[in-house]
Amino acid sequence: MEICPLCNGFENYTGLCASCGSVMIDTGKVTDYLDDYSAYMEINLLKLVDGDLNSLENHVCVHLISCAVCQNEQIISIQD
């Protein structure tokens, strides 16, 4: 079974904002924002609707990162 290092707290995201250069913050999986209960659903099922057609096969977890300064958001894939 694959484990996302960001979801499980093994690593922290350390990227910089392309717009203003500030530190970007990981705000979790993009599928956590689908509805009130999606954070509690089966992860492999949600990978079918996360916006990456191959995330299940490629073992990646799609995260939303955000800049606290300029509100820029970006979607990144993290290897499980």
Protein backbone atom coordinates (compact mmCIF):
# COMPACT_ATOMS: atom_id res chain seq x y z
CA MET A 1 0.00 0.00 0.00
CA GLU A 2 1.31 3.43 -0.95
CA ILE A 3 1.45 6.20 1.65
CA CYS A 4 1.54 9.91 0.85
CA PRO A 5 4.34 11.53 2.87
CA LEU A 6 2.48 14.87 3.09
CA CYS A 7 -0.87 13.40 4.14
CA ASN A 8 0.81 11.33 6.84
CA GLY A 9 3.12 14.06 8.15
CA PHE A 10 6.39 12.38 7.18
CA GLU A 11 7.41 15.43 5.12
CA ASN A 12 6.46 19.08 4.81
CA TYR A 13 6.02 20.89 1.52
CA THR A 14 8.74 23.51 0.99
CA GLY A 15 7.98 25.32 -2.27
CA LEU A 16 7.99 29.00 -3.14
CA CYS A 17 5.19 30.97 -4.77
CA ALA A 18 5.80 31.71 -8.45
CA SER A 19 4.00 35.06 -8.13
CA CYS A 20 5.52 36.66 -5.02
CA GLY A 21 8.28 34.30 -3.82
CA SER A 22 6.70 33.56 -0.44
CA VAL A 23 6.53 30.08 1.07
CA MET A 24 3.63 27.97 -0.20
CA ILE A 25 1.56 25.98 2.31
CA ASP A 26 0.15 22.50 1.69
CA THR A 27 -3.60 22.65 2.31
CA GLY A 28 -4.27 18.94 1.74
CA LYS A 29 -5.60 16.69 -1.00
CA VAL A 30 -7.69 18.39 -3.67
CA THR A 31 -10.40 15.78 -3.15
CA ASP A 32 -10.85 16.92 0.47
CA TYR A 33 -12.59 19.98 -0.97
CA LEU A 34 -15.24 18.10 -3.00
CA ASP A 35 -17.81 18.07 -0.19
CA ASP A 36 -18.14 17.80 3.59
CA TYR A 37 -17.55 14.04 3.69
CA SER A 38 -14.93 13.49 0.97
CA ALA A 39 -12.07 13.64 3.49
CA TYR A 40 -13.48 10.44 5.03
CA MET A 41 -13.91 8.47 1.80
CA GLU A 42 -11.64 5.74 0.41
CA ILE A 43 -8.51 7.37 -1.04
CA ASN A 44 -8.21 5.06 -4.07
CA LEU A 45 -11.83 5.79 -5.00
CA LEU A 46 -11.22 9.54 -4.80
CA LYS A 47 -8.14 9.23 -7.02
CA LEU A 48 -10.56 8.46 -9.85
CA VAL A 49 -11.93 12.05 -9.62
CA ASP A 50 -8.92 14.09 -8.47
CA GLY A 51 -8.21 15.68 -11.85
CA ASP A 52 -5.22 13.45 -12.69
CA LEU A 53 -6.34 10.63 -14.97
CA ASN A 54 -3.39 8.42 -13.96
CA SER A 55 -2.97 9.21 -10.26
CA LEU A 56 -4.11 5.75 -9.16
CA GLU A 57 -1.81 3.90 -11.58
CA ASN A 58 1.14 6.26 -11.02
CA HIS A 59 0.75 6.24 -7.23
CA VAL A 60 0.56 10.00 -6.78
CA CYS A 61 -1.47 12.08 -4.36
CA VAL A 62 -2.76 15.38 -5.78
CA HIS A 63 -2.43 18.28 -3.31
CA LEU A 64 -3.52 21.90 -3.28
CA ILE A 65 -0.86 24.36 -2.16
CA SER A 66 -1.58 27.97 -1.34
CA CYS A 67 0.33 31.21 -0.77
CA ALA A 68 -0.73 33.06 2.38
CA VAL A 69 0.58 36.37 1.02
CA CYS A 70 -0.92 36.68 -2.48
CA GLN A 71 -3.55 33.87 -2.31
CA ASN A 72 -2.03 32.10 -5.34
CA GLU A 73 -3.04 28.41 -5.50
CA GLN A 74 -1.39 25.56 -7.33
CA ILE A 75 -2.04 21.83 -7.72
CA ILE A 76 0.93 19.47 -7.34
CA SER A 77 1.38 15.71 -7.48
CA ILE A 78 3.25 13.98 -4.66
CA GLN A 79 4.66 10.48 -5.13
CA ASP A 80 3.02 7.96 -2.77
